[in-house]
């Protein structure tokens, strides 16, 4: 796992305010990323950054899940900045203004882990390409107060799609003085 620091210019935009854990990593979140967000209350959201094959992923979901979205509904779905509804509620949700605070999130429970379905569509769209690029694109951003079972279900969705590497977004903090990392940085 690689840890990322939140960039001052976050792309895609924040869905909900969360407080990620801290680390001393100094790598900025890339613009070309797919961010899976876990809120404090265990809800999961998905956001696509620039050039992340969002349209192709949504088209794949529509086809493979038999959602039967019309061309205009699919166009409207593609314009959303974030995704946090069960797939069976997408069609009815397209007519409403989506408030992330009121959305149930993408189901990740063991009975119906729809995040597995989302990740399968993402891997289908990226198939044939460099697996490492896909792994660098997938980021998990969880609230520091989120309970472990929520994160475990996200990990299970990755594992179900044979994705064994992903990155975790954290807030930055200074390297502790006197630590091995601090001493190594002083030698450079």
N, C-alpha and C. Protein backbone atom coordinates (compact mmCIF):
# COMPACT_ATOMS: atom_id res chain seq x y z
N UNK A 1 0.84 -1.18 0.00
CA UNK A 1 0.00 0.00 0.00
C UNK A 1 0.89 1.24 0.00
N UNK A 2 0.48 2.23 -0.71
CA UNK A 2 1.17 3.51 -0.75
C UNK A 2 0.26 4.55 -0.14
N UNK A 3 0.82 5.47 0.62
CA UNK A 3 0.02 6.52 1.24
C UNK A 3 0.20 7.82 0.50
N UNK A 4 -0.88 8.55 0.29
CA UNK A 4 -0.86 9.84 -0.40
C UNK A 4 -1.28 10.94 0.55
N UNK A 5 -0.78 12.12 0.31
CA UNK A 5 -1.20 13.30 1.04
C UNK A 5 -2.24 14.02 0.21
N UNK A 6 -3.22 14.62 0.86
CA UNK A 6 -4.22 15.39 0.14
C UNK A 6 -3.57 16.61 -0.49
N UNK A 7 -3.86 16.85 -1.74
CA UNK A 7 -3.36 18.04 -2.44
C UNK A 7 -4.26 19.22 -2.10
N UNK A 8 -3.72 20.42 -2.20
CA UNK A 8 -4.54 21.59 -1.92
C UNK A 8 -5.61 21.75 -2.98
N UNK A 9 -5.35 21.33 -4.21
CA UNK A 9 -6.33 21.39 -5.28
C UNK A 9 -6.83 19.97 -5.52
N UNK A 10 -7.87 19.58 -4.79
CA UNK A 10 -8.39 18.22 -4.85
C UNK A 10 -9.21 18.00 -6.11
N UNK A 11 -8.91 16.97 -6.87
CA UNK A 11 -9.71 16.56 -8.01
C UNK A 11 -9.92 15.08 -7.89
N UNK A 12 -11.09 14.60 -7.99
CA UNK A 12 -12.36 15.27 -8.11
C UNK A 12 -12.76 15.98 -6.82
N UNK A 13 -13.81 16.83 -6.86
CA UNK A 13 -14.20 17.59 -5.69
C UNK A 13 -14.66 16.69 -4.55
N UNK A 14 -14.58 17.21 -3.34
CA UNK A 14 -14.98 16.46 -2.15
C UNK A 14 -16.47 16.16 -2.18
N UNK A 15 -16.84 14.96 -1.80
CA UNK A 15 -18.25 14.59 -1.69
C UNK A 15 -18.75 14.99 -0.31
N UNK A 16 -18.09 14.50 0.70
CA UNK A 16 -18.43 14.79 2.08
C UNK A 16 -17.16 15.18 2.81
N UNK A 17 -17.33 15.94 3.86
CA UNK A 17 -16.17 16.31 4.66
C UNK A 17 -15.78 15.12 5.52
N UNK A 18 -14.56 14.66 5.33
CA UNK A 18 -14.04 13.59 6.16
C UNK A 18 -12.65 13.99 6.63
N UNK A 19 -12.20 13.35 7.70
CA UNK A 19 -10.87 13.61 8.23
C UNK A 19 -10.05 12.34 8.09
N UNK A 20 -9.19 12.27 7.05
CA UNK A 20 -8.38 11.07 6.87
C UNK A 20 -7.31 10.96 7.97
N UNK A 21 -6.77 9.77 8.17
CA UNK A 21 -5.66 9.62 9.11
C UNK A 21 -4.44 10.38 8.59
N UNK A 22 -3.46 10.56 9.45
CA UNK A 22 -2.24 11.30 9.07
C UNK A 22 -1.10 10.34 8.78
N UNK A 23 -0.16 10.82 7.96
CA UNK A 23 1.07 10.09 7.70
C UNK A 23 2.14 11.10 7.32
N UNK A 24 3.37 10.64 7.20
CA UNK A 24 4.47 11.53 6.83
C UNK A 24 4.81 11.43 5.35
N UNK A 25 3.97 10.78 4.57
CA UNK A 25 4.18 10.67 3.13
C UNK A 25 4.09 12.05 2.49
N UNK A 26 4.80 12.22 1.39
CA UNK A 26 4.81 13.53 0.73
C UNK A 26 4.44 13.43 -0.75
N UNK A 27 3.56 12.51 -1.10
CA UNK A 27 3.14 12.34 -2.49
C UNK A 27 1.75 12.95 -2.64
N UNK A 28 1.58 13.82 -3.63
CA UNK A 28 0.29 14.48 -3.84
C UNK A 28 -0.69 13.55 -4.56
N UNK A 29 -1.97 13.75 -4.31
CA UNK A 29 -3.02 12.98 -4.99
C UNK A 29 -3.03 13.37 -6.46
N UNK A 30 -2.90 12.41 -7.37
CA UNK A 30 -2.92 12.75 -8.79
C UNK A 30 -4.32 13.14 -9.26
N UNK A 31 -4.38 14.00 -10.29
CA UNK A 31 -5.67 14.40 -10.87
C UNK A 31 -6.35 13.21 -11.54
N UNK A 32 -5.57 12.33 -12.13
CA UNK A 32 -6.11 11.15 -12.82
C UNK A 32 -6.28 10.02 -11.81
N UNK A 33 -7.32 10.13 -10.98
CA UNK A 33 -7.53 9.10 -9.98
C UNK A 33 -9.01 8.79 -9.83
N UNK A 34 -9.26 7.59 -9.36
CA UNK A 34 -10.60 7.15 -9.00
C UNK A 34 -10.57 7.00 -7.49
N UNK A 35 -11.36 7.82 -6.79
CA UNK A 35 -11.31 7.84 -5.34
C UNK A 35 -12.55 7.17 -4.75
N UNK A 36 -12.30 6.19 -3.90
CA UNK A 36 -13.35 5.53 -3.14
C UNK A 36 -13.31 6.16 -1.75
N UNK A 37 -14.40 6.79 -1.35
CA UNK A 37 -14.45 7.50 -0.07
C UNK A 37 -15.31 6.73 0.92
N UNK A 38 -14.78 6.52 2.12
CA UNK A 38 -15.51 5.88 3.21
C UNK A 38 -15.77 6.93 4.28
N UNK A 39 -17.04 7.19 4.56
CA UNK A 39 -17.39 8.21 5.56
C UNK A 39 -17.33 7.64 6.97
N UNK A 40 -17.41 8.54 7.93
CA UNK A 40 -17.36 8.15 9.34
C UNK A 40 -18.47 7.16 9.68
N UNK A 41 -19.64 7.32 9.05
CA UNK A 41 -20.77 6.44 9.34
C UNK A 41 -20.81 5.20 8.43
N UNK A 42 -19.73 4.95 7.68
CA UNK A 42 -19.60 3.72 6.91
C UNK A 42 -20.17 3.73 5.51
N UNK A 43 -20.58 4.90 5.00
CA UNK A 43 -21.10 4.96 3.63
C UNK A 43 -19.93 5.09 2.65
N UNK A 44 -20.11 4.51 1.47
CA UNK A 44 -19.06 4.50 0.46
C UNK A 44 -19.51 5.27 -0.78
N UNK A 45 -18.63 6.12 -1.29
CA UNK A 45 -18.88 6.92 -2.49
C UNK A 45 -17.73 6.71 -3.46
N UNK A 46 -17.99 7.00 -4.73
CA UNK A 46 -16.99 6.85 -5.77
C UNK A 46 -16.93 8.13 -6.58
N UNK A 47 -15.71 8.61 -6.86
CA UNK A 47 -15.51 9.81 -7.67
C UNK A 47 -14.45 9.52 -8.71
N UNK A 48 -14.69 9.98 -9.93
CA UNK A 48 -13.75 9.79 -11.02
C UNK A 48 -13.04 11.11 -11.30
N UNK A 49 -11.72 11.09 -11.36
CA UNK A 49 -10.95 12.26 -11.74
C UNK A 49 -10.88 12.40 -13.25
N UNK A 50 -10.02 13.28 -13.69
CA UNK A 50 -9.85 13.53 -15.12
C UNK A 50 -9.25 12.31 -15.82
N UNK A 51 -9.71 12.04 -17.02
CA UNK A 51 -9.16 10.98 -17.88
C UNK A 51 -9.09 9.62 -17.19
N UNK A 52 -10.17 9.23 -16.53
CA UNK A 52 -10.18 7.95 -15.83
C UNK A 52 -11.20 6.97 -16.40
N UNK A 53 -11.59 7.17 -17.64
CA UNK A 53 -12.52 6.27 -18.34
C UNK A 53 -13.86 6.14 -17.63
N UNK A 54 -14.30 7.26 -17.07
CA UNK A 54 -15.58 7.30 -16.36
C UNK A 54 -16.74 6.91 -17.28
N UNK A 55 -16.81 7.54 -18.45
CA UNK A 55 -17.93 7.27 -19.37
C UNK A 55 -17.99 5.80 -19.75
N UNK A 56 -16.83 5.22 -20.07
CA UNK A 56 -16.78 3.82 -20.46
C UNK A 56 -17.21 2.91 -19.31
N UNK A 57 -16.81 3.27 -18.08
CA UNK A 57 -17.18 2.47 -16.91
C UNK A 57 -18.69 2.49 -16.71
N UNK A 58 -19.30 3.67 -16.82
CA UNK A 58 -20.75 3.78 -16.64
C UNK A 58 -21.51 3.04 -17.73
N UNK A 59 -21.00 3.12 -18.96
CA UNK A 59 -21.62 2.38 -20.07
C UNK A 59 -21.52 0.87 -19.82
N UNK A 60 -20.37 0.43 -19.31
CA UNK A 60 -20.18 -0.99 -19.00
C UNK A 60 -21.14 -1.44 -17.90
N UNK A 61 -21.31 -0.62 -16.86
CA UNK A 61 -22.25 -0.95 -15.79
C UNK A 61 -23.68 -1.04 -16.34
N UNK A 62 -24.06 -0.09 -17.15
CA UNK A 62 -25.40 -0.08 -17.73
C UNK A 62 -25.65 -1.37 -18.52
N UNK A 63 -24.67 -1.79 -19.28
CA UNK A 63 -24.79 -2.99 -20.11
C UNK A 63 -24.77 -4.27 -19.27
N UNK A 64 -23.76 -4.41 -18.41
CA UNK A 64 -23.58 -5.66 -17.68
C UNK A 64 -24.60 -5.86 -16.56
N UNK A 65 -25.13 -4.78 -16.02
CA UNK A 65 -26.09 -4.89 -14.92
C UNK A 65 -27.54 -4.78 -15.38
N UNK A 66 -27.75 -4.67 -16.69
CA UNK A 66 -29.11 -4.59 -17.22
C UNK A 66 -29.90 -3.42 -16.67
N UNK A 67 -29.24 -2.27 -16.55
CA UNK A 67 -29.89 -1.10 -15.97
C UNK A 67 -30.88 -0.45 -16.94
N UNK A 68 -30.71 -0.71 -18.23
CA UNK A 68 -31.61 -0.19 -19.26
C UNK A 68 -31.79 1.32 -19.23
N UNK A 69 -30.69 2.04 -19.01
CA UNK A 69 -30.75 3.50 -19.06
C UNK A 69 -30.83 3.94 -20.51
N UNK A 70 -31.67 4.93 -20.78
CA UNK A 70 -31.76 5.49 -22.13
C UNK A 70 -30.51 6.33 -22.39
N UNK A 71 -30.31 6.74 -23.63
CA UNK A 71 -29.15 7.57 -23.97
C UNK A 71 -29.16 8.87 -23.17
N UNK A 72 -30.32 9.49 -23.00
CA UNK A 72 -30.37 10.75 -22.24
C UNK A 72 -30.12 10.50 -20.75
N UNK A 73 -30.62 9.39 -20.22
CA UNK A 73 -30.37 9.06 -18.81
C UNK A 73 -28.89 8.76 -18.60
N UNK A 74 -28.29 8.05 -19.53
CA UNK A 74 -26.86 7.75 -19.43
C UNK A 74 -26.04 9.02 -19.49
N UNK A 75 -26.42 9.95 -20.36
CA UNK A 75 -25.71 11.24 -20.45
C UNK A 75 -25.81 11.99 -19.13
N UNK A 76 -26.99 12.00 -18.53
CA UNK A 76 -27.18 12.68 -17.25
C UNK A 76 -26.35 12.00 -16.15
N UNK A 77 -26.31 10.68 -16.16
CA UNK A 77 -25.55 9.92 -15.17
C UNK A 77 -24.06 10.23 -15.28
N UNK A 78 -23.58 10.37 -16.51
CA UNK A 78 -22.16 10.66 -16.74
C UNK A 78 -21.75 12.04 -16.22
N UNK A 79 -22.71 12.95 -16.10
CA UNK A 79 -22.40 14.31 -15.65
C UNK A 79 -22.27 14.42 -14.13
N UNK A 80 -22.68 13.40 -13.41
CA UNK A 80 -22.58 13.44 -11.95
C UNK A 80 -21.12 13.52 -11.53
N UNK A 81 -20.87 14.25 -10.44
CA UNK A 81 -19.51 14.38 -9.93
C UNK A 81 -19.12 13.22 -9.03
N UNK A 82 -20.12 12.56 -8.44
CA UNK A 82 -19.85 11.46 -7.53
C UNK A 82 -20.98 10.45 -7.64
N UNK A 83 -20.73 9.25 -7.11
CA UNK A 83 -21.69 8.16 -7.18
C UNK A 83 -21.84 7.55 -5.79
N UNK A 84 -23.08 7.45 -5.32
CA UNK A 84 -23.31 6.93 -3.99
C UNK A 84 -24.70 6.34 -3.80
N UNK A 85 -25.24 5.78 -4.86
CA UNK A 85 -26.54 5.12 -4.79
C UNK A 85 -26.39 3.65 -5.17
N UNK A 86 -27.22 2.78 -4.59
CA UNK A 86 -27.26 1.41 -5.08
C UNK A 86 -27.66 1.42 -6.56
N UNK A 87 -27.17 0.49 -7.33
CA UNK A 87 -27.43 0.47 -8.77
C UNK A 87 -28.92 0.41 -9.10
N UNK A 88 -29.72 -0.24 -8.25
CA UNK A 88 -31.15 -0.33 -8.53
C UNK A 88 -31.89 0.98 -8.25
N UNK A 89 -31.21 1.98 -7.69
CA UNK A 89 -31.82 3.29 -7.43
C UNK A 89 -31.30 4.37 -8.38
N UNK A 90 -30.37 4.03 -9.25
CA UNK A 90 -29.76 5.03 -10.14
C UNK A 90 -30.79 5.68 -11.04
N UNK A 91 -31.61 4.88 -11.69
CA UNK A 91 -32.60 5.41 -12.64
C UNK A 91 -33.54 6.40 -11.96
N UNK A 92 -34.06 6.05 -10.80
CA UNK A 92 -34.97 6.96 -10.09
C UNK A 92 -34.21 8.15 -9.50
N UNK A 93 -32.94 7.98 -9.18
CA UNK A 93 -32.14 9.07 -8.62
C UNK A 93 -31.73 10.12 -9.63
N UNK A 94 -31.80 9.79 -10.91
CA UNK A 94 -31.39 10.75 -11.94
C UNK A 94 -32.31 11.97 -12.00
N UNK A 95 -33.54 11.83 -11.56
CA UNK A 95 -34.48 12.94 -11.59
C UNK A 95 -34.40 13.84 -10.38
N UNK A 96 -33.60 13.46 -9.39
CA UNK A 96 -33.51 14.23 -8.15
C UNK A 96 -32.18 14.96 -8.06
N UNK A 97 -32.17 16.02 -7.25
CA UNK A 97 -30.90 16.66 -6.93
C UNK A 97 -30.25 15.81 -5.85
N UNK A 98 -29.03 15.40 -6.10
CA UNK A 98 -28.37 14.47 -5.19
C UNK A 98 -27.60 15.20 -4.11
N UNK A 99 -27.98 14.97 -2.88
CA UNK A 99 -27.30 15.52 -1.72
C UNK A 99 -26.54 14.36 -1.08
N UNK A 100 -25.21 14.40 -1.11
CA UNK A 100 -24.44 13.27 -0.59
C UNK A 100 -24.73 12.96 0.88
N UNK A 101 -25.10 13.97 1.65
CA UNK A 101 -25.39 13.73 3.06
C UNK A 101 -26.63 12.85 3.25
N UNK A 102 -27.51 12.84 2.24
CA UNK A 102 -28.75 12.06 2.34
C UNK A 102 -28.68 10.76 1.55
N UNK A 103 -27.60 10.52 0.84
CA UNK A 103 -27.48 9.32 0.02
C UNK A 103 -27.03 8.14 0.86
N UNK A 104 -27.51 6.94 0.54
CA UNK A 104 -27.14 5.76 1.33
C UNK A 104 -25.72 5.27 1.08
N UNK A 105 -25.12 5.66 -0.01
CA UNK A 105 -23.80 5.17 -0.37
C UNK A 105 -23.91 3.90 -1.20
N UNK A 106 -22.80 3.52 -1.81
CA UNK A 106 -22.74 2.27 -2.59
C UNK A 106 -22.71 1.11 -1.60
N UNK A 107 -23.60 0.14 -1.72
CA UNK A 107 -23.61 -0.98 -0.78
C UNK A 107 -22.28 -1.75 -0.81
N UNK A 108 -21.75 -2.02 0.38
CA UNK A 108 -20.51 -2.79 0.49
C UNK A 108 -20.65 -3.95 1.48
N UNK A 109 -21.87 -4.23 1.92
CA UNK A 109 -22.05 -5.31 2.88
C UNK A 109 -21.76 -6.66 2.21
N UNK A 110 -21.56 -7.67 3.03
CA UNK A 110 -21.17 -8.98 2.49
C UNK A 110 -22.27 -9.61 1.64
N UNK A 111 -23.53 -9.26 1.89
CA UNK A 111 -24.63 -9.84 1.11
C UNK A 111 -24.66 -9.28 -0.31
N UNK A 112 -24.40 -7.99 -0.47
CA UNK A 112 -24.44 -7.37 -1.81
C UNK A 112 -23.39 -6.26 -1.85
N UNK A 113 -22.17 -6.64 -2.11
CA UNK A 113 -21.09 -5.66 -2.19
C UNK A 113 -21.05 -5.11 -3.61
N UNK A 114 -21.82 -4.03 -3.86
CA UNK A 114 -21.87 -3.44 -5.20
C UNK A 114 -20.57 -2.75 -5.59
N UNK A 115 -19.73 -2.45 -4.60
CA UNK A 115 -18.43 -1.88 -4.95
C UNK A 115 -17.64 -2.90 -5.77
N UNK A 116 -17.84 -4.18 -5.50
CA UNK A 116 -17.22 -5.23 -6.31
C UNK A 116 -17.66 -5.08 -7.77
N UNK A 117 -18.94 -4.81 -7.99
CA UNK A 117 -19.47 -4.63 -9.34
C UNK A 117 -18.86 -3.40 -10.01
N UNK A 118 -18.78 -2.29 -9.27
CA UNK A 118 -18.15 -1.07 -9.81
C UNK A 118 -16.70 -1.35 -10.21
N UNK A 119 -15.95 -2.00 -9.30
CA UNK A 119 -14.54 -2.28 -9.59
C UNK A 119 -14.39 -3.26 -10.75
N UNK A 120 -15.33 -4.20 -10.89
CA UNK A 120 -15.28 -5.12 -12.03
C UNK A 120 -15.45 -4.34 -13.33
N UNK A 121 -16.37 -3.40 -13.36
CA UNK A 121 -16.56 -2.58 -14.58
C UNK A 121 -15.33 -1.74 -14.85
N UNK A 122 -14.73 -1.20 -13.81
CA UNK A 122 -13.50 -0.41 -13.99
C UNK A 122 -12.39 -1.29 -14.56
N UNK A 123 -12.22 -2.50 -14.01
CA UNK A 123 -11.16 -3.38 -14.52
C UNK A 123 -11.48 -3.85 -15.94
N UNK A 124 -12.76 -4.04 -16.27
CA UNK A 124 -13.14 -4.40 -17.65
C UNK A 124 -12.71 -3.30 -18.62
N UNK A 125 -12.95 -2.07 -18.24
CA UNK A 125 -12.63 -0.93 -19.11
C UNK A 125 -11.11 -0.76 -19.25
N UNK A 126 -10.37 -1.05 -18.19
CA UNK A 126 -8.91 -0.91 -18.23
C UNK A 126 -8.22 -2.18 -18.71
N UNK A 127 -8.98 -3.24 -19.02
CA UNK A 127 -8.39 -4.51 -19.45
C UNK A 127 -7.52 -4.32 -20.68
N UNK A 128 -6.41 -5.04 -20.70
CA UNK A 128 -5.50 -4.95 -21.84
C UNK A 128 -4.45 -3.87 -21.66
N UNK A 129 -4.65 -3.03 -20.68
CA UNK A 129 -3.68 -1.96 -20.42
C UNK A 129 -2.70 -2.37 -19.34
N UNK A 130 -1.93 -1.42 -18.89
CA UNK A 130 -0.94 -1.65 -17.85
C UNK A 130 -1.65 -1.74 -16.49
N UNK A 131 -1.58 -2.90 -15.86
CA UNK A 131 -2.23 -3.12 -14.56
C UNK A 131 -1.70 -2.15 -13.52
N UNK A 132 -0.42 -1.81 -13.61
CA UNK A 132 0.17 -0.89 -12.64
C UNK A 132 -0.47 0.49 -12.72
N UNK A 133 -0.80 0.93 -13.95
CA UNK A 133 -1.46 2.24 -14.10
C UNK A 133 -2.82 2.24 -13.43
N UNK A 134 -3.55 1.14 -13.56
CA UNK A 134 -4.85 1.04 -12.89
C UNK A 134 -4.66 1.09 -11.38
N UNK A 135 -3.70 0.35 -10.86
CA UNK A 135 -3.44 0.35 -9.42
C UNK A 135 -3.05 1.73 -8.92
N UNK A 136 -2.33 2.50 -9.73
CA UNK A 136 -1.95 3.86 -9.34
C UNK A 136 -3.14 4.81 -9.40
N UNK A 137 -4.15 4.45 -10.17
CA UNK A 137 -5.34 5.29 -10.33
C UNK A 137 -6.31 5.12 -9.18
N UNK A 138 -6.36 3.94 -8.57
CA UNK A 138 -7.34 3.63 -7.52
C UNK A 138 -6.85 4.10 -6.16
N UNK A 139 -7.62 4.98 -5.54
CA UNK A 139 -7.29 5.52 -4.23
C UNK A 139 -8.44 5.26 -3.26
N UNK A 140 -8.11 5.00 -2.01
CA UNK A 140 -9.11 4.86 -0.96
C UNK A 140 -8.88 5.98 0.03
N UNK A 141 -9.95 6.71 0.31
CA UNK A 141 -9.88 7.83 1.26
C UNK A 141 -10.94 7.58 2.32
N UNK A 142 -10.50 7.26 3.51
CA UNK A 142 -11.44 6.95 4.57
C UNK A 142 -11.33 7.92 5.72
N UNK A 143 -12.44 8.13 6.40
CA UNK A 143 -12.44 8.98 7.57
C UNK A 143 -11.66 8.28 8.68
N UNK A 144 -10.91 9.07 9.44
CA UNK A 144 -10.11 8.52 10.53
C UNK A 144 -10.99 7.82 11.57
N UNK A 145 -12.26 8.23 11.69
CA UNK A 145 -13.17 7.64 12.67
C UNK A 145 -14.03 6.52 12.08
N UNK A 146 -13.83 6.18 10.81
CA UNK A 146 -14.59 5.09 10.20
C UNK A 146 -14.18 3.77 10.86
N UNK A 147 -15.14 2.89 11.03
CA UNK A 147 -14.85 1.60 11.66
C UNK A 147 -14.20 0.66 10.65
N UNK A 148 -13.37 -0.24 11.16
CA UNK A 148 -12.63 -1.15 10.30
C UNK A 148 -13.51 -2.03 9.41
N UNK A 149 -14.67 -2.53 9.86
CA UNK A 149 -15.47 -3.38 8.97
C UNK A 149 -15.82 -2.71 7.63
N UNK A 150 -16.03 -1.40 7.63
CA UNK A 150 -16.30 -0.70 6.37
C UNK A 150 -15.10 -0.75 5.44
N UNK A 151 -13.91 -0.52 5.99
CA UNK A 151 -12.68 -0.59 5.19
C UNK A 151 -12.44 -2.02 4.73
N UNK A 152 -12.75 -2.98 5.58
CA UNK A 152 -12.55 -4.39 5.24
C UNK A 152 -13.41 -4.78 4.03
N UNK A 153 -14.64 -4.26 3.96
CA UNK A 153 -15.52 -4.56 2.82
C UNK A 153 -14.97 -3.94 1.54
N UNK A 154 -14.37 -2.76 1.65
CA UNK A 154 -13.74 -2.13 0.48
C UNK A 154 -12.56 -2.99 0.02
N UNK A 155 -11.74 -3.43 0.98
CA UNK A 155 -10.62 -4.32 0.63
C UNK A 155 -11.12 -5.60 -0.03
N UNK A 156 -12.23 -6.13 0.45
CA UNK A 156 -12.79 -7.36 -0.13
C UNK A 156 -13.23 -7.13 -1.57
N UNK A 157 -13.80 -5.96 -1.85
CA UNK A 157 -14.20 -5.64 -3.23
C UNK A 157 -12.98 -5.61 -4.15
N UNK A 158 -11.87 -5.06 -3.66
CA UNK A 158 -10.62 -5.07 -4.44
C UNK A 158 -10.16 -6.50 -4.66
N UNK A 159 -10.14 -7.29 -3.59
CA UNK A 159 -9.68 -8.67 -3.67
C UNK A 159 -10.56 -9.49 -4.62
N UNK A 160 -11.87 -9.27 -4.60
CA UNK A 160 -12.78 -10.00 -5.49
C UNK A 160 -12.49 -9.72 -6.96
N UNK A 161 -11.84 -8.61 -7.23
CA UNK A 161 -11.48 -8.24 -8.61
C UNK A 161 -9.99 -8.43 -8.88
N UNK A 162 -9.32 -9.18 -8.03
CA UNK A 162 -7.89 -9.45 -8.15
C UNK A 162 -7.07 -8.17 -8.24
N UNK A 163 -7.48 -7.17 -7.48
CA UNK A 163 -6.72 -5.93 -7.34
C UNK A 163 -6.10 -5.96 -5.95
N UNK A 164 -4.81 -6.20 -5.91
CA UNK A 164 -4.15 -6.39 -4.62
C UNK A 164 -3.33 -5.19 -4.19
N UNK A 165 -3.29 -4.16 -5.03
CA UNK A 165 -2.55 -2.95 -4.68
C UNK A 165 -3.47 -1.75 -4.89
N UNK A 166 -3.48 -0.88 -3.92
CA UNK A 166 -4.20 0.38 -4.04
C UNK A 166 -3.53 1.38 -3.12
N UNK A 167 -3.91 2.61 -3.23
CA UNK A 167 -3.28 3.67 -2.45
C UNK A 167 -4.29 4.25 -1.47
N UNK A 168 -3.78 4.71 -0.34
CA UNK A 168 -4.62 5.30 0.70
C UNK A 168 -4.27 6.78 0.82
N UNK A 169 -5.30 7.62 0.84
CA UNK A 169 -5.12 9.06 0.96
C UNK A 169 -5.06 9.42 2.44
N UNK A 170 -4.06 10.20 2.82
CA UNK A 170 -3.90 10.64 4.20
C UNK A 170 -3.62 12.14 4.25
N UNK A 171 -3.74 12.71 5.44
CA UNK A 171 -3.31 14.09 5.66
C UNK A 171 -1.83 14.07 6.01
N UNK A 172 -1.12 15.10 5.62
CA UNK A 172 0.31 15.16 5.89
C UNK A 172 0.61 15.63 7.30
N UNK A 173 1.71 15.15 7.81
CA UNK A 173 2.23 15.64 9.08
C UNK A 173 3.75 15.61 8.99
N UNK A 174 4.42 16.44 9.78
CA UNK A 174 5.89 16.47 9.69
C UNK A 174 6.51 15.16 10.17
N UNK A 175 7.67 14.87 9.61
CA UNK A 175 8.42 13.69 10.03
C UNK A 175 8.91 13.92 11.46
N UNK A 176 8.69 12.97 12.37
CA UNK A 176 9.15 13.15 13.75
C UNK A 176 10.67 13.30 13.82
N UNK A 177 11.12 14.33 14.51
CA UNK A 177 12.55 14.59 14.68
C UNK A 177 13.18 13.40 15.40
N UNK A 178 14.31 12.94 14.87
CA UNK A 178 15.04 11.83 15.46
C UNK A 178 14.63 10.47 14.92
N UNK A 179 13.56 10.40 14.15
CA UNK A 179 13.14 9.11 13.60
C UNK A 179 14.08 8.70 12.48
N UNK A 180 14.02 7.43 12.09
CA UNK A 180 14.88 6.92 11.02
C UNK A 180 14.62 7.68 9.72
N UNK A 181 13.36 7.95 9.42
CA UNK A 181 13.01 8.71 8.22
C UNK A 181 13.58 10.12 8.27
N UNK A 182 13.54 10.74 9.44
CA UNK A 182 14.09 12.08 9.61
C UNK A 182 15.61 12.06 9.38
N UNK A 183 16.28 11.07 9.97
CA UNK A 183 17.74 10.98 9.83
C UNK A 183 18.14 10.72 8.38
N UNK A 184 17.38 9.87 7.67
CA UNK A 184 17.67 9.63 6.25
C UNK A 184 17.49 10.90 5.43
N UNK A 185 16.45 11.68 5.74
CA UNK A 185 16.21 12.90 4.97
C UNK A 185 17.29 13.95 5.24
N UNK A 186 17.90 13.92 6.40
CA UNK A 186 18.96 14.87 6.74
C UNK A 186 20.27 14.55 6.03
N UNK A 187 20.47 13.27 5.67
CA UNK A 187 21.70 12.85 4.99
C UNK A 187 21.71 13.24 3.53
N UNK A 188 20.56 13.53 2.96
CA UNK A 188 20.48 13.84 1.52
C UNK A 188 20.96 15.21 1.22
